[in-house]
Amino acid sequence: MSESRYRTASKSSPVPMHYQVERDMRERILSGAWKPGQQLPGEMELCQLYGVSRTTVRQALGVLVDEGLIVRERGRGSFVRDLTITAGARGLTSFSDEMAARGMHAGARVLSIQREPAPPEMAHRLRIEAGEPLVVIHRVRYANDSPMGIQTAHLPAARFPGLEQADLNERSLYQYLEERYAVVPTEALEIFSITSLNAQQAQLLQVSEGACGFYVERLTFDEAKRPFEFVVSVLRGDRYRVQLFLRASRRKP
């Protein structure tokens, strides 16, 4: 599809104008006319190309964002999605190791590290008494400098003295725990569910409020089968997906 052949939206068509624009842009992406990573024309230029209002263009862009075909980055514009992390059956790894295995640079920005009393449910998961102090680490995780998710890790403060003083910007938490406390993760239980990103999460992840994402809980165990970390992650739905290989079990004759 040539860049010169934009389909001007028709007001006389029974098809809503924003859908006409959305359909044409979707075809450009799926046909490869717009390449992964390519920046789309700006909103005003799209208005001129399609002969529609800015509201109509924004409606069309919003649908394509929700479908995961484009990414809107604050202050930069809209881009064809080019970063999808596919997670399948895998070993127990840190986010940093997972990104490195895919040839990407993992980054982190610490939002806060503080001590908090463990609520009953969290204490039960970590096998400590309710009210005992936790070290709570709240970070944004990046892949190739693009935000991928928000992680909040909870660890027993008594087991990791001084952890709240650690500099975990651009550093793997698991690597730090191994080096400083000789604690190595050996098993974990992960549960994935779907969530809708609130305003704060959307701002940190540079997506639209209400966009879909993954809500992931992980309880991690050490070599002695003791839980030492409970992590809640919120991952971008347009840049992360889960893929599983399924095999039918053999029936007994």
Protein backbone atom coordinates (compact mmCIF):
# COMPACT_ATOMS: atom_id res chain seq x y z
CA MET A 1 0.00 0.00 0.00
CA SER A 2 1.58 3.29 -1.08
CA GLU A 3 1.88 6.13 1.40
CA SER A 4 0.12 8.36 -1.17
CA ARG A 5 -3.04 6.25 -1.26
CA TYR A 6 -4.74 7.26 1.95
CA ARG A 7 -8.48 6.65 1.86
CA THR A 8 -10.27 9.88 2.66
CA ALA A 9 -13.11 9.10 5.04
CA SER A 10 -16.58 9.55 3.57
CA LYS A 11 -19.33 11.22 5.60
CA SER A 12 -21.95 9.65 3.35
CA SER A 13 -20.82 6.11 4.17
CA PRO A 14 -22.88 4.15 6.72
CA VAL A 15 -19.55 3.07 8.26
CA PRO A 16 -18.51 5.45 11.09
CA MET A 17 -15.68 7.73 10.07
CA HIS A 18 -13.37 6.67 12.88
CA TYR A 19 -13.79 3.05 11.78
CA GLN A 20 -12.90 3.99 8.19
CA VAL A 21 -9.66 5.59 9.43
CA GLU A 22 -8.95 2.74 11.83
CA ARG A 23 -9.48 0.15 9.07
CA ASP A 24 -7.09 1.87 6.69
CA MET A 25 -4.39 2.25 9.33
CA ARG A 26 -4.81 -1.37 10.44
CA GLU A 27 -4.34 -2.54 6.85
CA ARG A 28 -1.15 -0.50 6.57
CA ILE A 29 0.25 -2.15 9.69
CA LEU A 30 -0.79 -5.71 8.84
CA SER A 31 0.36 -5.42 5.24
CA GLY A 32 3.77 -4.15 6.30
CA ALA A 33 3.35 -0.76 4.64
CA TRP A 34 4.01 0.64 8.11
CA LYS A 35 6.96 -1.26 9.55
CA PRO A 36 7.46 -2.35 13.19
CA GLY A 37 8.96 0.55 15.10
CA GLN A 38 7.95 3.10 12.48
CA GLN A 39 6.50 6.36 13.74
CA LEU A 40 3.03 7.18 12.45
CA PRO A 41 2.21 10.62 11.03
CA GLY A 42 1.19 13.11 13.72
CA GLU A 43 -2.45 13.62 14.63
CA MET A 44 -2.83 16.84 12.63
CA GLU A 45 -1.22 15.24 9.56
CA LEU A 46 -3.56 12.25 9.86
CA CYS A 47 -6.50 14.65 10.03
CA GLN A 48 -5.43 16.16 6.72
CA LEU A 49 -4.66 12.79 5.09
CA TYR A 50 -8.04 11.29 6.00
CA GLY A 51 -10.10 14.48 5.91
CA VAL A 52 -11.41 14.03 9.45
CA SER A 53 -11.37 15.79 12.80
CA ARG A 54 -8.77 15.27 15.52
CA THR A 55 -11.40 13.56 17.67
CA THR A 56 -11.97 10.99 14.93
CA VAL A 57 -8.24 10.34 14.57
CA ARG A 58 -7.87 9.89 18.32
CA GLN A 59 -10.76 7.42 18.38
CA ALA A 60 -9.10 5.36 15.66
CA LEU A 61 -5.70 5.47 17.35
CA GLY A 62 -7.26 4.46 20.66
CA VAL A 63 -8.74 1.32 19.11
CA LEU A 64 -5.40 0.34 17.57
CA VAL A 65 -3.67 0.88 20.90
CA ASP A 66 -6.20 -1.39 22.62
CA GLU A 67 -5.61 -4.02 19.93
CA GLY A 68 -1.87 -3.85 20.60
CA LEU A 69 -1.00 -2.76 17.05
CA ILE A 70 0.47 0.61 17.97
CA VAL A 71 2.13 2.21 20.96
CA ARG A 72 1.55 5.81 22.00
CA GLU A 73 4.49 7.34 23.84
CA ARG A 74 3.98 10.53 25.79
CA GLY A 75 5.67 13.48 24.09
CA ARG A 76 6.86 11.41 21.13
CA GLY A 77 3.84 10.20 19.19
CA SER A 78 2.49 6.86 17.94
CA PHE A 79 4.59 3.92 16.73
CA VAL A 80 3.90 0.54 15.18
CA ARG A 81 4.45 -1.97 17.96
CA ASP A 82 7.86 -3.61 17.68
CA LEU A 83 8.49 -5.08 21.13
CA THR A 84 6.54 -8.13 22.16
CA ILE A 85 7.97 -10.36 24.87
CA THR A 86 6.64 -13.90 24.59
CA ALA A 87 6.84 -15.88 27.79
CA GLY A 88 6.36 -19.61 27.68
CA ALA A 89 7.42 -22.56 29.76
CA ARG A 90 10.73 -21.44 31.25
CA GLY A 91 13.06 -21.79 34.18
CA LEU A 92 12.98 -19.59 37.24
CA THR A 93 14.72 -16.40 36.15
CA SER A 94 14.79 -12.76 37.05
CA PHE A 95 13.32 -10.12 34.75
CA SER A 96 16.89 -9.11 33.86
CA ASP A 97 17.80 -12.67 32.82
CA GLU A 98 14.56 -13.05 30.86
CA MET A 99 15.27 -9.90 28.85
CA ALA A 100 18.92 -10.83 28.32
CA ALA A 101 17.85 -14.22 26.92
CA ARG A 102 15.90 -12.30 24.28
CA GLY A 103 18.77 -10.00 23.41
CA MET A 104 17.32 -6.99 25.22
CA HIS A 105 18.75 -4.70 27.85
CA ALA A 106 16.80 -4.79 31.09
CA GLY A 107 16.50 -1.64 33.16
CA ALA A 108 14.87 -0.55 36.38
CA ARG A 109 13.80 2.65 38.07
CA VAL A 110 13.14 2.48 41.79
CA LEU A 111 10.00 4.36 42.79
CA SER A 112 10.34 3.55 46.49
CA ILE A 113 11.95 1.14 48.98
CA GLN A 114 10.51 1.17 52.47
CA ARG A 115 9.66 -0.94 55.49
CA GLU A 116 6.00 -1.76 56.12
CA PRO A 117 4.22 -4.05 58.58
CA ALA A 118 3.07 -7.29 56.98
CA PRO A 119 -0.72 -7.54 56.61
CA PRO A 120 -2.17 -10.94 57.63
CA GLU A 121 -2.52 -12.32 54.09
CA MET A 122 1.04 -11.35 53.13
CA ALA A 123 2.40 -12.72 56.39
CA HIS A 124 0.65 -16.02 55.73
CA ARG A 125 2.23 -16.30 52.29
CA LEU A 126 5.72 -15.54 53.58
CA ARG A 127 5.26 -17.65 56.74
CA ILE A 128 5.92 -14.82 59.17
CA GLU A 129 3.82 -13.19 61.87
CA ALA A 130 1.34 -10.48 60.91
CA GLY A 131 2.81 -7.07 61.65
CA GLU A 132 6.42 -8.15 61.18
CA PRO A 133 8.32 -5.66 59.00
CA LEU A 134 8.60 -6.17 55.28
CA VAL A 135 10.91 -4.48 52.82
CA VAL A 136 8.66 -3.33 49.96
CA ILE A 137 10.42 -2.50 46.68
CA HIS A 138 8.40 -0.66 44.05
CA ARG A 139 10.06 -0.42 40.61
CA VAL A 140 9.32 0.21 36.94
CA ARG A 141 11.03 -2.35 34.69
CA TYR A 142 12.27 -1.53 31.20
CA ALA A 143 13.30 -3.47 28.09
CA ASN A 144 15.53 -1.55 25.70
CA ASP A 145 14.57 1.66 27.55
CA SER A 146 10.84 1.11 27.02
CA PRO A 147 8.62 0.51 30.08
CA MET A 148 7.41 -3.09 30.32
CA GLY A 149 5.94 -3.41 33.77
CA ILE A 150 5.63 -2.30 37.37
CA GLN A 151 6.92 -4.65 40.07
CA THR A 152 6.26 -4.53 43.80
CA ALA A 153 8.35 -7.02 45.78
CA HIS A 154 7.72 -7.89 49.43
CA LEU A 155 10.52 -9.50 51.45
CA PRO A 156 10.85 -10.22 55.20
CA ALA A 157 13.01 -7.45 56.68
CA ALA A 158 14.40 -9.73 59.41
CA ARG A 159 15.89 -12.02 56.79
CA PHE A 160 17.36 -9.24 54.68
CA PRO A 161 18.74 -6.60 57.09
CA GLY A 162 19.69 -3.37 55.34
CA LEU A 163 17.94 -4.27 52.09
CA GLU A 164 16.00 -1.00 52.18
CA GLN A 165 19.34 0.79 51.69
CA ALA A 166 20.23 -1.09 48.50
CA ASP A 167 20.58 0.67 45.17
CA LEU A 168 18.44 -1.44 42.85
CA ASN A 169 18.29 0.99 39.96
CA GLU A 170 19.53 -0.91 36.90
CA ARG A 171 20.31 -4.01 39.00
CA SER A 172 18.79 -7.47 39.37
CA LEU A 173 17.24 -8.03 42.78
CA TYR A 174 17.95 -11.77 42.63
CA GLN A 175 21.60 -11.11 41.87
CA TYR A 176 21.82 -8.72 44.82
CA LEU A 177 20.15 -11.22 47.18
CA GLU A 178 22.57 -13.93 46.13
CA GLU A 179 25.65 -11.72 46.52
CA ARG A 180 24.66 -10.04 49.77
CA TYR A 181 22.57 -12.67 51.58
CA ALA A 182 23.45 -15.95 49.82
CA VAL A 183 19.78 -16.50 49.00
CA VAL A 184 19.10 -18.18 45.66
CA PRO A 185 15.60 -18.71 44.19
CA THR A 186 14.91 -22.32 43.28
CA GLU A 187 11.13 -22.53 42.84
CA ALA A 188 8.25 -20.14 42.31
CA LEU A 189 4.51 -20.19 41.84
CA GLU A 190 3.15 -17.68 39.31
CA ILE A 191 -0.47 -16.77 38.68
CA PHE A 192 -1.47 -14.64 35.66
CA SER A 193 -4.72 -12.72 35.34
CA ILE A 194 -5.98 -9.81 33.25
CA THR A 195 -6.30 -6.31 34.62
CA SER A 196 -7.25 -2.82 33.47
CA LEU A 197 -4.53 -0.24 34.07
CA ASN A 198 -5.47 2.64 36.33
CA ALA A 199 -4.34 6.22 35.73
CA GLN A 200 -1.12 5.93 37.76
CA GLN A 201 -0.11 2.62 36.19
CA ALA A 202 -0.92 3.89 32.69
CA GLN A 203 1.23 6.98 33.21
CA LEU A 204 4.22 4.93 34.39
CA LEU A 205 3.87 2.50 31.49
CA GLN A 206 3.13 5.23 28.90
CA VAL A 207 -0.19 3.79 27.75
CA SER A 208 -3.80 4.91 27.85
CA GLU A 209 -5.75 4.65 31.09
CA GLY A 210 -7.95 1.56 31.01
CA ALA A 211 -5.65 -0.38 28.67
CA CYS A 212 -5.42 -4.10 29.32
CA GLY A 213 -2.44 -5.61 31.08
CA PHE A 214 -1.30 -8.73 32.91
CA TYR A 215 -1.51 -8.91 36.68
CA VAL A 216 1.05 -11.44 37.89
CA GLU A 217 1.64 -12.77 41.40
CA ARG A 218 4.82 -14.71 42.15
CA LEU A 219 5.74 -16.46 45.39
CA THR A 220 9.42 -17.42 45.33
CA PHE A 221 11.14 -20.13 47.41
CA ASP A 222 14.77 -20.73 48.35
CA GLU A 223 16.75 -23.98 48.43
CA ALA A 224 15.17 -24.92 51.77
CA LYS A 225 11.67 -24.54 50.27
CA ARG A 226 11.05 -21.42 52.35
CA PRO A 227 9.19 -18.50 50.74
CA PHE A 228 11.28 -15.35 50.80
CA GLU A 229 9.62 -13.04 48.26
CA PHE A 230 6.13 -12.20 47.08
CA VAL A 231 6.00 -10.04 43.95
CA VAL A 232 3.08 -8.35 42.23
CA SER A 233 3.77 -7.31 38.64
CA VAL A 234 1.60 -5.31 36.27
CA LEU A 235 2.77 -5.85 32.69
CA ARG A 236 1.82 -4.07 29.50
CA GLY A 237 -0.69 -6.16 27.58
CA ASP A 238 0.53 -4.82 24.24
CA ARG A 239 4.16 -5.75 24.88
CA TYR A 240 3.95 -9.00 26.78
CA ARG A 241 2.18 -12.24 26.00
CA VAL A 242 2.17 -15.79 27.32
CA GLN A 243 2.62 -18.73 24.98
CA LEU A 244 2.32 -22.35 26.11
CA PHE A 245 3.00 -25.55 24.20
CA LEU A 246 0.29 -28.11 24.93
CA ARG A 247 0.49 -31.83 24.31
CA ALA A 248 -2.32 -34.37 24.61
CA SER A 249 -1.76 -37.00 27.27
CA ARG A 250 -1.67 -40.55 26.04
CA ARG A 251 -4.70 -42.56 26.94
CA LYS A 252 -4.18 -45.94 28.45
CA PRO A 253 -5.34 -48.80 26.18
